[in-house]
Each structure stands twice: as C-alpha cells, then as structure tokens.
Amino acid sequence: MPDRYVAYYDSPVGVIEVCTSKKSVLRIEFVDEKKQVNQELPSILTKALDQLDQYFKGERQQFDLPVEFEGTEFQKKVWNGLLTIPFGEVWSYKDLAVEIGNEKAVRAVGNANRNNPISIIIPCHRVIGANGTLTGYAGGLHRKEWLLDHEKGQYHLIEL
C-alpha cells in the first residue's frame, strides 16, 4: 500500500478529509472531526486543498488533479462517467447508466455512485432521482443540496 497523506479542509458545509498518495488523490469525504496530523504535505495534497478552496469560493468549476480509484471495474466506469457531468448540471441515475453504456444498470450505478471515494472532485452530488428529487449522498442530503445550490447557475435536469 502506498504512503498516504491526510489533511483537512474547513468547507462552508463541514470538515472535509483529503487523503492522497505522493502522486494522486485517493479519497475526499466529509468527516465529523479532524484527527491529529503531523506530517509533511506532498504537493498533490496542497494542490487538492487549494483547488477545493477555489471551488468553494466560486473560482473553480473543474478540478485538475490526478485521482486513483480503488474499486471494481464497474465502479471505476461509473466514477469516470461522473466526470462527464458538467458543472451546474444534474443527471438522473438512468442518465448516468446510459452515459456508461448500460442503461439497465440503474441500481448498480446508484450503488457505485454511493461508494464514490472522491467526493466533490468526482461529482456524485450532481446525480439526482429521475423525478428530480435529491436522493442519497454519503455526506448528507443537506450538503448535496448546498453543493447543487453552489453550482446553481445552470442547475437543471437534463435528458440524454
């Protein structure tokens, strides 16, 4: 297992834990509290914190960070599909299933979406129910709603 480095970002909707290797982002998730961290931060971790700060300040719409997914091939396909959802737009789980070429895998897409290890950068918050309702988000629906409102300049359900 590669060396892992952790830092915390105080976002407007809670503390975010960022975990990286020396070369890529491994995990980003909301946490209840910060843990003690006594380590030197690799440049990728500093860059991730900077880009999160730019995102929350409304200065960044797209992240430019190398990521490393730890999951099944199907999950990786879904997470890569999430990267195609433009800033400010929302898709349904079915839209995402169609995007990855497996329109009947709506539930499996939902499950993979729920297990996205790199929140915000891999924008799982941009996926909503087919009827336009907000559904599951590991960070909590209140955070999902905030993130969508933050990107709201183009917030609308699109049909593929």
C-alpha atoms as a PDB file:
ATOM      1  CA  MET A   1       0.000   0.000   0.000  1.00  0.00           C
ATOM      2  CA  PRO A   2       1.456   3.388  -0.953  1.00  0.00           C
ATOM      3  CA  ASP A   3       2.156   6.030   1.668  1.00  0.00           C
ATOM      4  CA  ARG A   4      -0.965   8.009   2.465  1.00  0.00           C
ATOM      5  CA  TYR A   5      -1.138  11.623   3.496  1.00  0.00           C
ATOM      6  CA  VAL A   6      -4.101  13.330   5.140  1.00  0.00           C
ATOM      7  CA  ALA A   7      -5.143  16.946   5.579  1.00  0.00           C
ATOM      8  CA  TYR A   8      -8.400  18.714   6.377  1.00  0.00           C
ATOM      9  CA  TYR A   9     -10.328  21.478   4.680  1.00  0.00           C
ATOM     10  CA  ASP A  10     -12.926  23.557   6.546  1.00  0.00           C
ATOM     11  CA  SER A  11     -15.668  23.972   3.942  1.00  0.00           C
ATOM     12  CA  PRO A  12     -18.859  26.026   4.345  1.00  0.00           C
ATOM     13  CA  VAL A  13     -20.730  22.734   4.889  1.00  0.00           C
ATOM     14  CA  GLY A  14     -18.336  20.905   7.166  1.00  0.00           C
ATOM     15  CA  VAL A  15     -14.905  19.424   7.544  1.00  0.00           C
ATOM     16  CA  ILE A  16     -13.519  17.557   4.546  1.00  0.00           C
ATOM     17  CA  GLU A  17     -10.781  14.964   4.914  1.00  0.00           C
ATOM     18  CA  VAL A  18      -8.453  14.729   1.910  1.00  0.00           C
ATOM     19  CA  CYS A  19      -6.245  11.664   1.526  1.00  0.00           C
ATOM     20  CA  THR A  20      -3.564  11.357  -1.157  1.00  0.00           C
ATOM     21  CA  SER A  21      -0.550   9.335  -2.125  1.00  0.00           C
ATOM     22  CA  LYS A  22       2.512  11.277  -3.233  1.00  0.00           C
ATOM     23  CA  LYS A  23       1.077  11.442  -6.767  1.00  0.00           C
ATOM     24  CA  SER A  24      -2.738  11.291  -6.696  1.00  0.00           C
ATOM     25  CA  VAL A  25      -5.919  11.930  -4.739  1.00  0.00           C
ATOM     26  CA  LEU A  26      -7.232   8.724  -3.142  1.00  0.00           C
ATOM     27  CA  ARG A  27     -10.173   9.881  -1.036  1.00  0.00           C
ATOM     28  CA  ILE A  28     -12.178  13.002  -0.205  1.00  0.00           C
ATOM     29  CA  GLU A  29     -15.008  12.784   2.292  1.00  0.00           C
ATOM     30  CA  PHE A  30     -16.904  14.791   4.863  1.00  0.00           C
ATOM     31  CA  VAL A  31     -15.987  13.886   8.449  1.00  0.00           C
ATOM     32  CA  ASP A  32     -17.295  14.859  11.866  1.00  0.00           C
ATOM     33  CA  GLU A  33     -13.948  15.902  13.254  1.00  0.00           C
ATOM     34  CA  LYS A  34     -10.325  16.405  12.387  1.00  0.00           C
ATOM     35  CA  LYS A  35      -7.718  13.917  13.548  1.00  0.00           C
ATOM     36  CA  GLN A  36      -4.202  14.818  14.615  1.00  0.00           C
ATOM     37  CA  VAL A  37      -1.931  15.111  11.577  1.00  0.00           C
ATOM     38  CA  ASN A  38       1.825  15.516  11.948  1.00  0.00           C
ATOM     39  CA  GLN A  39       3.326  15.099   8.531  1.00  0.00           C
ATOM     40  CA  GLU A  40       4.789  16.969   5.652  1.00  0.00           C
ATOM     41  CA  LEU A  41       2.231  17.524   2.903  1.00  0.00           C
ATOM     42  CA  PRO A  42       3.112  16.349  -0.608  1.00  0.00           C
ATOM     43  CA  SER A  43       2.466  18.880  -3.372  1.00  0.00           C
ATOM     44  CA  ILE A  44      -0.584  16.952  -4.644  1.00  0.00           C
ATOM     45  CA  LEU A  45      -2.269  17.329  -1.248  1.00  0.00           C
ATOM     46  CA  THR A  46      -1.529  21.047  -1.127  1.00  0.00           C
ATOM     47  CA  LYS A  47      -2.850  21.397  -4.686  1.00  0.00           C
ATOM     48  CA  ALA A  48      -6.049  19.492  -3.763  1.00  0.00           C
ATOM     49  CA  LEU A  49      -6.654  21.794  -0.783  1.00  0.00           C
ATOM     50  CA  ASP A  50      -6.048  24.857  -2.972  1.00  0.00           C
ATOM     51  CA  GLN A  51      -8.476  23.636  -5.642  1.00  0.00           C
ATOM     52  CA  LEU A  52     -11.150  22.819  -3.047  1.00  0.00           C
ATOM     53  CA  ASP A  53     -10.736  26.341  -1.691  1.00  0.00           C
ATOM     54  CA  GLN A  54     -11.126  27.787  -5.198  1.00  0.00           C
ATOM     55  CA  TYR A  55     -14.236  25.651  -5.775  1.00  0.00           C
ATOM     56  CA  PHE A  56     -15.903  26.794  -2.570  1.00  0.00           C
ATOM     57  CA  LYS A  57     -15.032  30.429  -3.314  1.00  0.00           C
ATOM     58  CA  GLY A  58     -16.727  30.089  -6.717  1.00  0.00           C
ATOM     59  CA  GLU A  59     -13.438  30.446  -8.604  1.00  0.00           C
ATOM     60  CA  ARG A  60     -13.180  26.884  -9.951  1.00  0.00           C
ATOM     61  CA  GLN A  61     -15.667  24.739 -11.861  1.00  0.00           C
ATOM     62  CA  GLN A  62     -13.409  21.865 -12.856  1.00  0.00           C
ATOM     63  CA  PHE A  63     -10.678  20.106 -10.907  1.00  0.00           C
ATOM     64  CA  ASP A  64      -7.287  19.396 -12.409  1.00  0.00           C
ATOM     65  CA  LEU A  65      -5.967  16.667 -10.121  1.00  0.00           C
ATOM     66  CA  PRO A  66      -4.762  13.128 -10.739  1.00  0.00           C
ATOM     67  CA  VAL A  67      -7.002  10.622  -8.978  1.00  0.00           C
ATOM     68  CA  GLU A  68      -6.565   6.958  -8.184  1.00  0.00           C
ATOM     69  CA  PHE A  69      -9.714   4.897  -7.811  1.00  0.00           C
ATOM     70  CA  GLU A  70      -9.842   1.894  -5.508  1.00  0.00           C
ATOM     71  CA  GLY A  71     -12.867  -0.128  -6.619  1.00  0.00           C
ATOM     72  CA  THR A  72     -14.261  -2.613  -9.109  1.00  0.00           C
ATOM     73  CA  GLU A  73     -14.031  -2.054 -12.850  1.00  0.00           C
ATOM     74  CA  PHE A  74     -17.762  -1.237 -12.920  1.00  0.00           C
ATOM     75  CA  GLN A  75     -17.388   1.314 -10.112  1.00  0.00           C
ATOM     76  CA  LYS A  76     -14.459   2.925 -11.917  1.00  0.00           C
ATOM     77  CA  LYS A  77     -16.568   3.160 -15.079  1.00  0.00           C
ATOM     78  CA  VAL A  78     -19.349   4.900 -13.135  1.00  0.00           C
ATOM     79  CA  TRP A  79     -16.920   7.265 -11.396  1.00  0.00           C
ATOM     80  CA  ASN A  80     -15.347   8.180 -14.727  1.00  0.00           C
ATOM     81  CA  GLY A  81     -18.879   8.742 -16.049  1.00  0.00           C
ATOM     82  CA  LEU A  82     -19.494  11.197 -13.211  1.00  0.00           C
ATOM     83  CA  LEU A  83     -16.628  13.286 -14.529  1.00  0.00           C
ATOM     84  CA  THR A  84     -18.613  13.935 -17.713  1.00  0.00           C
ATOM     85  CA  ILE A  85     -21.439  15.723 -15.867  1.00  0.00           C
ATOM     86  CA  PRO A  86     -20.828  19.439 -16.456  1.00  0.00           C
ATOM     87  CA  PHE A  87     -20.609  21.897 -13.587  1.00  0.00           C
ATOM     88  CA  GLY A  88     -24.044  23.226 -12.695  1.00  0.00           C
ATOM     89  CA  GLU A  89     -25.968  20.362 -14.315  1.00  0.00           C
ATOM     90  CA  VAL A  90     -27.659  17.352 -12.772  1.00  0.00           C
ATOM     91  CA  TRP A  91     -28.321  13.933 -14.251  1.00  0.00           C
ATOM     92  CA  SER A  92     -30.532  11.109 -13.112  1.00  0.00           C
ATOM     93  CA  TYR A  93     -29.095   7.705 -12.264  1.00  0.00           C
ATOM     94  CA  LYS A  94     -30.566   6.463 -15.540  1.00  0.00           C
ATOM     95  CA  ASP A  95     -28.815   9.259 -17.459  1.00  0.00           C
ATOM     96  CA  LEU A  96     -25.541   8.120 -15.917  1.00  0.00           C
ATOM     97  CA  ALA A  97     -26.286   4.470 -16.735  1.00  0.00           C
ATOM     98  CA  VAL A  98     -26.913   5.461 -20.365  1.00  0.00           C
ATOM     99  CA  GLU A  99     -23.681   7.504 -20.391  1.00  0.00           C
ATOM    100  CA  ILE A 100     -21.632   4.463 -19.387  1.00  0.00           C
ATOM    101  CA  GLY A 101     -23.406   2.265 -21.934  1.00  0.00           C
ATOM    102  CA  ASN A 102     -25.512   0.161 -19.586  1.00  0.00           C
ATOM    103  CA  GLU A 103     -28.967   1.736 -19.306  1.00  0.00           C
ATOM    104  CA  LYS A 104     -30.421  -1.217 -17.390  1.00  0.00           C
ATOM    105  CA  ALA A 105     -27.844  -0.907 -14.585  1.00  0.00           C
ATOM    106  CA  VAL A 106     -29.579   1.997 -12.823  1.00  0.00           C
ATOM    107  CA  ARG A 107     -29.457   0.410  -9.350  1.00  0.00           C
ATOM    108  CA  ALA A 108     -25.846  -0.697  -9.769  1.00  0.00           C
ATOM    109  CA  VAL A 109     -24.975   2.836 -10.911  1.00  0.00           C
ATOM    110  CA  GLY A 110     -26.675   4.190  -7.782  1.00  0.00           C
ATOM    111  CA  ASN A 111     -24.683   1.819  -5.609  1.00  0.00           C
ATOM    112  CA  ALA A 112     -21.383   2.766  -7.282  1.00  0.00           C
ATOM    113  CA  ASN A 113     -22.303   6.441  -7.000  1.00  0.00           C
ATOM    114  CA  ARG A 114     -22.940   5.991  -3.267  1.00  0.00           C
ATOM    115  CA  ASN A 115     -19.489   4.418  -2.854  1.00  0.00           C
ATOM    116  CA  ASN A 116     -17.596   7.188  -4.672  1.00  0.00           C
ATOM    117  CA  PRO A 117     -14.436   7.676  -2.588  1.00  0.00           C
ATOM    118  CA  ILE A 118     -13.523  11.076  -4.031  1.00  0.00           C
ATOM    119  CA  SER A 119     -16.455  13.346  -3.248  1.00  0.00           C
ATOM    120  CA  ILE A 120     -16.812  16.766  -4.911  1.00  0.00           C
ATOM    121  CA  ILE A 121     -13.904  16.234  -7.334  1.00  0.00           C
ATOM    122  CA  ILE A 122     -15.770  13.209  -8.714  1.00  0.00           C
ATOM    123  CA  PRO A 123     -19.160  14.979  -8.650  1.00  0.00           C
ATOM    124  CA  CYS A 124     -21.569  12.325  -7.377  1.00  0.00           C
ATOM    125  CA  HIS A 125     -23.632  15.167  -5.868  1.00  0.00           C
ATOM    126  CA  ARG A 126     -24.769  16.009  -9.428  1.00  0.00           C
ATOM    127  CA  VAL A 127     -26.846  12.815  -9.661  1.00  0.00           C
ATOM    128  CA  ILE A 128     -30.487  13.020  -8.564  1.00  0.00           C
ATOM    129  CA  GLY A 129     -33.611  10.898  -8.789  1.00  0.00           C
ATOM    130  CA  ALA A 130     -35.421  10.554 -12.128  1.00  0.00           C
ATOM    131  CA  ASN A 131     -38.313  12.600 -10.711  1.00  0.00           C
ATOM    132  CA  GLY A 132     -35.961  15.483  -9.865  1.00  0.00           C
ATOM    133  CA  THR A 133     -35.700  14.762  -6.136  1.00  0.00           C
ATOM    134  CA  LEU A 134     -32.489  14.725  -4.193  1.00  0.00           C
ATOM    135  CA  THR A 135     -31.580  11.199  -3.226  1.00  0.00           C
ATOM    136  CA  GLY A 136     -28.744   9.686  -1.193  1.00  0.00           C
ATOM    137  CA  TYR A 137     -25.423  11.375  -0.644  1.00  0.00           C
ATOM    138  CA  ALA A 138     -22.779   9.965   1.685  1.00  0.00           C
ATOM    139  CA  GLY A 139     -22.082  13.460   3.019  1.00  0.00           C
ATOM    140  CA  GLY A 140     -25.778  14.020   3.805  1.00  0.00           C
ATOM    141  CA  LEU A 141     -28.588  15.460   1.716  1.00  0.00           C
ATOM    142  CA  HIS A 142     -28.138  18.916   3.265  1.00  0.00           C
ATOM    143  CA  ARG A 143     -24.608  19.009   1.828  1.00  0.00           C
ATOM    144  CA  LYS A 144     -25.763  17.702  -1.544  1.00  0.00           C
ATOM    145  CA  GLU A 145     -28.377  20.440  -1.686  1.00  0.00           C
ATOM    146  CA  TRP A 146     -25.780  23.071  -0.718  1.00  0.00           C
ATOM    147  CA  LEU A 147     -23.330  21.859  -3.386  1.00  0.00           C
ATOM    148  CA  LEU A 148     -26.031  21.923  -6.061  1.00  0.00           C
ATOM    149  CA  ASP A 149     -27.135  25.399  -4.972  1.00  0.00           C
ATOM    150  CA  HIS A 150     -23.487  26.484  -5.080  1.00  0.00           C
ATOM    151  CA  GLU A 151     -23.329  25.344  -8.711  1.00  0.00           C
ATOM    152  CA  LYS A 152     -26.867  26.517  -9.427  1.00  0.00           C
ATOM    153  CA  GLY A 153     -26.026  28.857 -12.279  1.00  0.00           C
ATOM    154  CA  GLN A 154     -27.107  26.037 -14.626  1.00  0.00           C
ATOM    155  CA  TYR A 155     -28.887  23.668 -12.213  1.00  0.00           C
ATOM    156  CA  HIS A 156     -31.497  21.767 -14.181  1.00  0.00           C
ATOM    157  CA  LEU A 157     -32.353  18.174 -15.018  1.00  0.00           C
ATOM    158  CA  ILE A 158     -31.131  17.231 -18.468  1.00  0.00           C
ATOM    159  CA  GLU A 159     -32.302  14.349 -20.594  1.00  0.00           C
ATOM    160  CA  LEU A 160     -29.799  12.276 -22.508  1.00  0.00           C
END
